[in-house]
Amino acid sequence: MSKKVLALYYTQSGQLEEITNNFLKPIADAGHSIEMHHLKPVDDFPFPWRTAPVFFDAMPESVKGVPKELQPFEFKENKYDLVVFAWQPWFLSPSIPANSMLHNQKVKAILKDTPVITLIGSRNMWLNAQEKVKKLLKDAGAKLVGNVALADRGNNQLGVLTIFHWMLNGKKERKWGILPMPGVAQADIDKVPIYGAIVAPYVSKGSYEGMQQELVNAKAVEIRYNLMYIESKAGIMFKIWGGKIYGSKKRKALLVAFKYYLLIALFVAAPIILLIHSILVRPFLFNRTKRKFEYFLGVNYNKE
């Protein structure tokens, strides 16, 4: 029996749209109807971002979870059998467009009592943001049944250089002709239909028990310890900076300070802290690390 699948996404570069299309193709091939909506804010964000200050200006509202009004849209149905929510993190939080979708009353009405699969396209850190998405989905009455997370697999520091090159000039290319390609690797994007093929039979039967473990087994979600550790510390600092900057009369000056703080933290502090932690602390955290991996690979939400 054909099921109704709704896909919601926002993209600037087109990368997440390609990921979403690849994910949905096997589901459509299985005979299910697909309805896609590229939802955008009324006051949309530029791409390319033009300058770094324009990009950093989105930080406080991203971290604070301040939604924007969306451009008008209408759903064809009043109820769907599955919602695929494709989104990207900004500043370790859901992007402002993604957050705005989850605050929109039309979207929340559709999400209520509906199975949801999250489909993430990120630079490399998405754990904190996914926790916020989980909470918003829970608040909307949705049932998170699956998660697929694609990320840049390259070096964290090099990734900062490559992603800024892409964001500021709009071209997904090698910076200086020698650095790695920015964003999710094309090979990983091309593999996404494998994950959609895993999901398709579960859509057909309307039951998703065991699906996330199958996705994990297929490497649809992977956790890198070093990034998990750095993100746990960075998330705290982003929250502090976001709270300090949001609504401040010194917003521009504070954003400049945050930019330089972030660069120093990424290129100087993080490698040193990570090295010390890896030698003196990590060897004694095996069981705790295992529990964290199991949690982040899954779809349960623990507000603690």
Protein backbone atom coordinates (compact mmCIF):
# COMPACT_ATOMS: atom_id res chain seq x y z
CA MET A 1 0.00 0.00 0.00
CA SER A 2 1.38 3.39 -1.02
CA LYS A 3 2.28 5.70 1.87
CA LYS A 4 2.42 9.49 1.89
CA VAL A 5 5.87 10.88 2.64
CA LEU A 6 6.53 14.57 3.26
CA ALA A 7 10.06 15.98 3.00
CA LEU A 8 10.91 19.37 4.50
CA TYR A 9 14.28 20.98 3.93
CA TYR A 10 16.21 24.21 3.55
CA THR A 11 19.33 24.65 1.48
CA GLN A 12 21.51 27.49 0.29
CA SER A 13 24.14 25.69 -1.77
CA GLY A 14 21.94 22.85 -3.04
CA GLN A 15 23.95 20.18 -1.20
CA LEU A 16 21.16 19.22 1.19
CA GLU A 17 18.63 19.11 -1.65
CA GLU A 18 20.83 16.59 -3.48
CA ILE A 19 21.16 14.53 -0.29
CA THR A 20 17.39 14.63 0.24
CA ASN A 21 16.62 13.61 -3.34
CA ASN A 22 19.07 10.71 -3.14
CA PHE A 23 17.55 9.54 0.14
CA LEU A 24 13.98 9.68 -1.15
CA LYS A 25 14.57 7.97 -4.51
CA PRO A 26 14.42 4.36 -3.21
CA ILE A 27 11.34 5.25 -1.17
CA ALA A 28 9.63 6.64 -4.27
CA ASP A 29 10.77 3.61 -6.28
CA ALA A 30 9.02 1.43 -3.69
CA GLY A 31 5.74 3.04 -4.75
CA HIS A 32 5.32 5.68 -2.07
CA SER A 33 4.22 9.24 -2.90
CA ILE A 34 6.72 11.99 -2.11
CA GLU A 35 5.87 15.63 -1.44
CA MET A 36 8.86 17.96 -1.06
CA HIS A 37 8.93 21.50 0.33
CA HIS A 38 11.94 23.79 0.31
CA LEU A 39 10.83 26.13 3.08
CA LYS A 40 12.54 29.52 3.29
CA PRO A 41 12.35 32.47 5.68
CA VAL A 42 10.62 35.60 4.40
CA ASP A 43 13.87 37.41 5.09
CA ASP A 44 16.11 34.73 3.61
CA PHE A 45 19.84 34.42 4.07
CA PRO A 46 22.23 35.23 1.21
CA PHE A 47 24.40 32.69 -0.57
CA PRO A 48 27.21 33.26 -0.95
CA TRP A 49 27.28 34.95 2.45
CA ARG A 50 29.35 37.80 0.92
CA THR A 51 31.41 38.50 4.04
CA ALA A 52 32.32 36.72 7.28
CA PRO A 53 30.53 39.35 9.45
CA VAL A 54 27.26 38.62 7.61
CA PHE A 55 27.65 34.93 8.47
CA PHE A 56 28.64 35.50 12.10
CA ASP A 57 25.66 37.81 12.55
CA ALA A 58 23.45 34.70 12.43
CA MET A 59 25.18 33.20 15.47
CA PRO A 60 23.17 34.68 18.39
CA GLU A 61 19.76 33.84 16.91
CA SER A 62 20.95 30.37 15.90
CA VAL A 63 22.19 29.56 19.40
CA LYS A 64 19.20 31.17 21.12
CA GLY A 65 16.75 29.38 18.82
CA VAL A 66 14.99 32.53 17.59
CA PRO A 67 12.67 31.59 14.68
CA LYS A 68 11.87 33.63 11.59
CA GLU A 69 8.62 33.87 9.66
CA LEU A 70 8.55 31.48 6.70
CA GLN A 71 7.49 32.28 3.16
CA PRO A 72 3.90 31.12 2.43
CA PHE A 73 3.45 27.41 1.74
CA GLU A 74 0.64 24.86 1.64
CA PHE A 75 0.68 21.12 2.21
CA LYS A 76 -1.36 18.92 -0.12
CA GLU A 77 -2.48 16.61 2.68
CA ASN A 78 -3.66 17.01 6.24
CA LYS A 79 -1.74 13.94 7.40
CA TYR A 80 1.34 12.04 6.26
CA ASP A 81 2.65 8.58 7.06
CA LEU A 82 6.24 9.82 7.39
CA VAL A 83 8.04 13.16 7.52
CA VAL A 84 11.67 13.45 6.44
CA PHE A 85 13.13 16.54 8.06
CA ALA A 86 16.38 17.50 6.32
CA TRP A 87 18.39 20.19 8.05
CA GLN A 88 21.83 21.61 8.77
CA PRO A 89 23.52 22.93 11.94
CA TRP A 90 24.71 26.50 12.29
CA PHE A 91 26.97 27.32 15.25
CA LEU A 92 26.28 23.93 16.90
CA SER A 93 22.52 24.62 16.79
CA PRO A 94 19.82 23.97 14.20
CA SER A 95 20.09 26.54 11.41
CA ILE A 96 17.66 29.42 11.77
CA PRO A 97 15.54 28.18 8.82
CA ALA A 98 15.42 24.65 10.29
CA ASN A 99 14.51 25.98 13.72
CA SER A 100 11.87 28.22 12.14
CA MET A 101 10.24 25.20 10.49
CA LEU A 102 9.95 23.40 13.81
CA HIS A 103 8.32 26.46 15.39
CA ASN A 104 5.86 26.97 12.52
CA GLN A 105 2.28 26.08 13.48
CA LYS A 106 1.46 24.43 10.13
CA VAL A 107 4.55 22.25 10.37
CA LYS A 108 3.90 21.38 14.01
CA ALA A 109 0.34 20.32 13.16
CA ILE A 110 1.69 17.95 10.50
CA LEU A 111 4.38 16.59 12.82
CA LYS A 112 1.96 15.68 15.61
CA ASP A 113 1.72 11.90 16.06
CA THR A 114 3.77 11.37 12.88
CA PRO A 115 6.97 9.32 12.46
CA VAL A 116 9.95 11.52 11.57
CA ILE A 117 13.37 10.76 10.12
CA THR A 118 16.00 13.46 10.48
CA LEU A 119 18.47 13.84 7.62
CA ILE A 120 21.50 15.96 8.52
CA GLY A 121 24.07 17.59 6.27
CA SER A 122 26.75 19.21 8.41
CA ARG A 123 30.35 20.38 8.43
CA ASN A 124 31.24 17.90 11.17
CA MET A 125 29.59 18.74 14.50
CA TRP A 126 25.87 18.00 14.76
CA LEU A 127 25.32 16.31 18.15
CA ASN A 128 24.29 19.39 20.16
CA ALA A 129 22.04 20.61 17.37
CA GLN A 130 20.35 17.22 17.02
CA GLU A 131 19.51 17.28 20.73
CA LYS A 132 17.72 20.58 20.18
CA VAL A 133 15.90 19.13 17.17
CA LYS A 134 14.87 16.10 19.23
CA LYS A 135 13.36 18.39 21.87
CA LEU A 136 11.48 20.47 19.31
CA LEU A 137 10.12 17.33 17.65
CA LYS A 138 9.04 16.00 21.03
CA ASP A 139 7.35 19.31 21.87
CA ALA A 140 5.45 19.06 18.56
CA GLY A 141 4.28 15.55 19.43
CA ALA A 142 6.31 13.90 16.66
CA LYS A 143 7.86 10.43 16.87
CA LEU A 144 11.54 10.43 15.91
CA VAL A 145 12.19 7.00 14.38
CA GLY A 146 15.41 7.46 12.42
CA ASN A 147 18.44 9.63 11.83
CA VAL A 148 20.96 9.84 9.01
CA ALA A 149 23.90 12.22 9.47
CA LEU A 150 26.35 13.16 6.73
CA ALA A 151 29.40 15.25 7.55
CA ASP A 152 32.73 16.47 6.23
CA ARG A 153 35.16 13.66 7.11
CA GLY A 154 38.27 15.83 6.78
CA ASN A 155 40.51 17.48 9.35
CA ASN A 156 38.59 19.84 11.64
CA GLN A 157 40.94 22.81 11.23
CA LEU A 158 41.27 22.44 7.46
CA GLY A 159 37.49 22.12 7.28
CA VAL A 160 37.13 25.62 8.70
CA LEU A 161 39.22 27.04 5.86
CA THR A 162 37.45 25.07 3.14
CA ILE A 163 33.91 25.75 4.37
CA PHE A 164 34.53 29.50 4.62
CA HIS A 165 35.92 29.49 1.09
CA TRP A 166 32.71 27.81 -0.10
CA MET A 167 30.36 30.00 1.91
CA LEU A 168 31.96 33.27 0.90
CA ASN A 169 32.44 32.66 -2.84
CA GLY A 170 29.66 30.14 -3.48
CA LYS A 171 31.90 27.62 -5.24
CA LYS A 172 32.39 24.09 -3.94
CA GLU A 173 36.02 23.80 -4.96
CA ARG A 174 39.49 23.27 -3.50
CA LYS A 175 40.81 26.42 -1.84
CA TRP A 176 44.10 27.43 -3.46
CA GLY A 177 43.69 24.31 -5.58
CA ILE A 178 45.30 22.15 -2.89
CA LEU A 179 43.02 21.96 0.16
CA PRO A 180 40.33 19.24 0.40
CA MET A 181 36.92 19.80 -1.13
CA PRO A 182 34.52 21.48 1.32
CA GLY A 183 31.34 19.97 2.69
CA VAL A 184 30.06 16.42 2.47
CA ALA A 185 32.13 14.35 0.05
CA GLN A 186 30.40 13.54 -3.23
CA ALA A 187 31.12 9.85 -2.64
CA ASP A 188 29.11 10.03 0.60
CA ILE A 189 26.26 11.89 -1.12
CA ASP A 190 26.20 9.22 -3.82
CA LYS A 191 25.84 6.53 -1.12
CA VAL A 192 22.71 8.07 0.38
CA PRO A 193 20.30 5.93 -1.72
CA ILE A 194 21.60 2.95 0.28
CA TYR A 195 20.08 4.49 3.40
CA GLY A 196 16.82 5.26 1.61
CA ALA A 197 16.68 1.63 0.49
CA ILE A 198 17.00 0.53 4.12
CA VAL A 199 14.14 2.82 5.12
CA ALA A 200 11.75 1.94 2.26
CA PRO A 201 10.53 -1.45 3.61
CA TYR A 202 9.83 0.10 7.01
CA VAL A 203 7.75 2.80 5.34
CA SER A 204 5.79 0.10 3.52
CA LYS A 205 4.91 -1.76 6.70
CA GLY A 206 4.41 1.39 8.80
CA SER A 207 6.62 0.13 11.61
CA TYR A 208 10.14 1.39 12.28
CA GLU A 209 11.35 -0.91 15.02
CA GLY A 210 14.94 -1.93 14.32
CA MET A 211 15.40 0.54 11.47
CA GLN A 212 17.84 2.87 13.23
CA GLN A 213 20.12 -0.02 14.11
CA GLU A 214 20.14 -1.05 10.46
CA LEU A 215 21.08 2.50 9.50
CA VAL A 216 23.85 2.53 12.10
CA ASN A 217 25.15 -0.79 10.79
CA ALA A 218 25.26 0.75 7.30
CA LYS A 219 27.30 3.72 8.63
CA ALA A 220 24.46 6.18 8.04
CA VAL A 221 25.46 7.71 11.38
CA GLU A 222 28.99 7.79 12.72
CA ILE A 223 30.49 9.38 15.83
CA ARG A 224 34.07 10.65 16.02
CA TYR A 225 35.26 10.80 19.62
CA ASN A 226 37.52 13.85 19.20
CA LEU A 227 34.71 15.87 17.64
CA MET A 228 32.22 14.72 20.27
CA TYR A 229 34.56 15.87 23.02
CA ILE A 230 35.37 19.24 21.43
CA GLU A 231 31.70 19.86 20.68
CA SER A 232 30.70 19.18 24.29
CA LYS A 233 33.02 22.00 25.40
CA ALA A 234 32.30 24.33 22.49
CA GLY A 235 28.54 24.02 23.00
CA ILE A 236 28.86 25.56 26.47
CA MET A 237 30.91 28.48 25.17
CA PHE A 238 28.58 29.10 22.24
CA LYS A 239 25.66 29.30 24.67
CA ILE A 240 27.52 31.86 26.79
CA TRP A 241 28.54 33.97 23.79
CA GLY A 242 25.09 33.74 22.20
CA GLY A 243 23.41 34.91 25.39
CA LYS A 244 25.86 37.77 25.78
CA ILE A 245 25.54 39.02 22.20
CA TYR A 246 21.79 38.55 21.62
CA GLY A 247 20.02 41.85 22.24
CA SER A 248 23.24 43.66 23.15
CA LYS A 249 23.86 47.23 21.99
CA LYS A 250 27.47 46.20 21.43
CA ARG A 251 26.47 43.42 19.05
CA LYS A 252 28.91 44.24 16.24
CA ALA A 253 31.91 44.58 18.54
CA LEU A 254 31.02 41.40 20.42
CA LEU A 255 30.62 39.47 17.17
CA VAL A 256 34.11 40.53 16.12
CA ALA A 257 35.42 39.39 19.51
CA PHE A 258 33.57 36.08 19.13
CA LYS A 259 35.05 35.52 15.67
CA TYR A 260 38.61 35.86 16.96
CA TYR A 261 37.81 33.82 20.06
CA LEU A 262 36.49 31.05 17.83
CA LEU A 263 39.57 31.06 15.60
CA ILE A 264 41.92 30.91 18.61
CA ALA A 265 39.83 28.15 20.19
CA LEU A 266 39.80 26.09 16.99
CA PHE A 267 43.40 26.46 15.92
CA VAL A 268 45.23 26.83 19.25
CA ALA A 269 43.24 25.79 22.32
CA ALA A 270 41.30 22.80 20.97
CA PRO A 271 44.30 20.75 19.78
CA ILE A 272 46.12 21.28 23.10
CA ILE A 273 43.08 20.47 25.25
CA LEU A 274 42.30 17.43 23.14
CA LEU A 275 45.86 16.11 23.41
CA ILE A 276 45.88 16.45 27.20
CA HIS A 277 42.45 14.86 27.48
CA SER A 278 43.40 11.96 25.20
CA ILE A 279 46.47 11.14 27.30
CA LEU A 280 45.26 11.76 30.85
CA VAL A 281 41.48 11.30 30.81
CA ARG A 282 40.08 9.36 27.86
CA PRO A 283 41.70 6.00 28.78
CA PHE A 284 39.59 5.94 31.95
CA LEU A 285 36.26 6.76 30.28
CA PHE A 286 35.62 3.60 28.26
CA ASN A 287 32.18 2.74 29.69
CA ARG A 288 31.02 6.35 29.71
CA THR A 289 32.16 6.83 26.13
CA LYS A 290 30.38 3.66 25.04
CA ARG A 291 27.11 4.91 26.58
CA LYS A 292 27.49 8.27 24.86
CA PHE A 293 28.13 6.65 21.49
CA GLU A 294 25.07 4.43 21.87
CA TYR A 295 22.93 7.43 22.80
CA PHE A 296 24.04 9.70 19.96
CA LEU A 297 23.76 6.90 17.40
CA GLY A 298 20.14 6.38 18.45
CA VAL A 299 16.94 8.41 18.33
CA ASN A 300 15.91 8.57 21.98
CA TYR A 301 15.84 11.94 23.74
CA ASN A 302 17.22 12.38 27.23
CA LYS A 303 16.73 15.97 28.38
CA GLU A 304 19.48 15.53 30.94
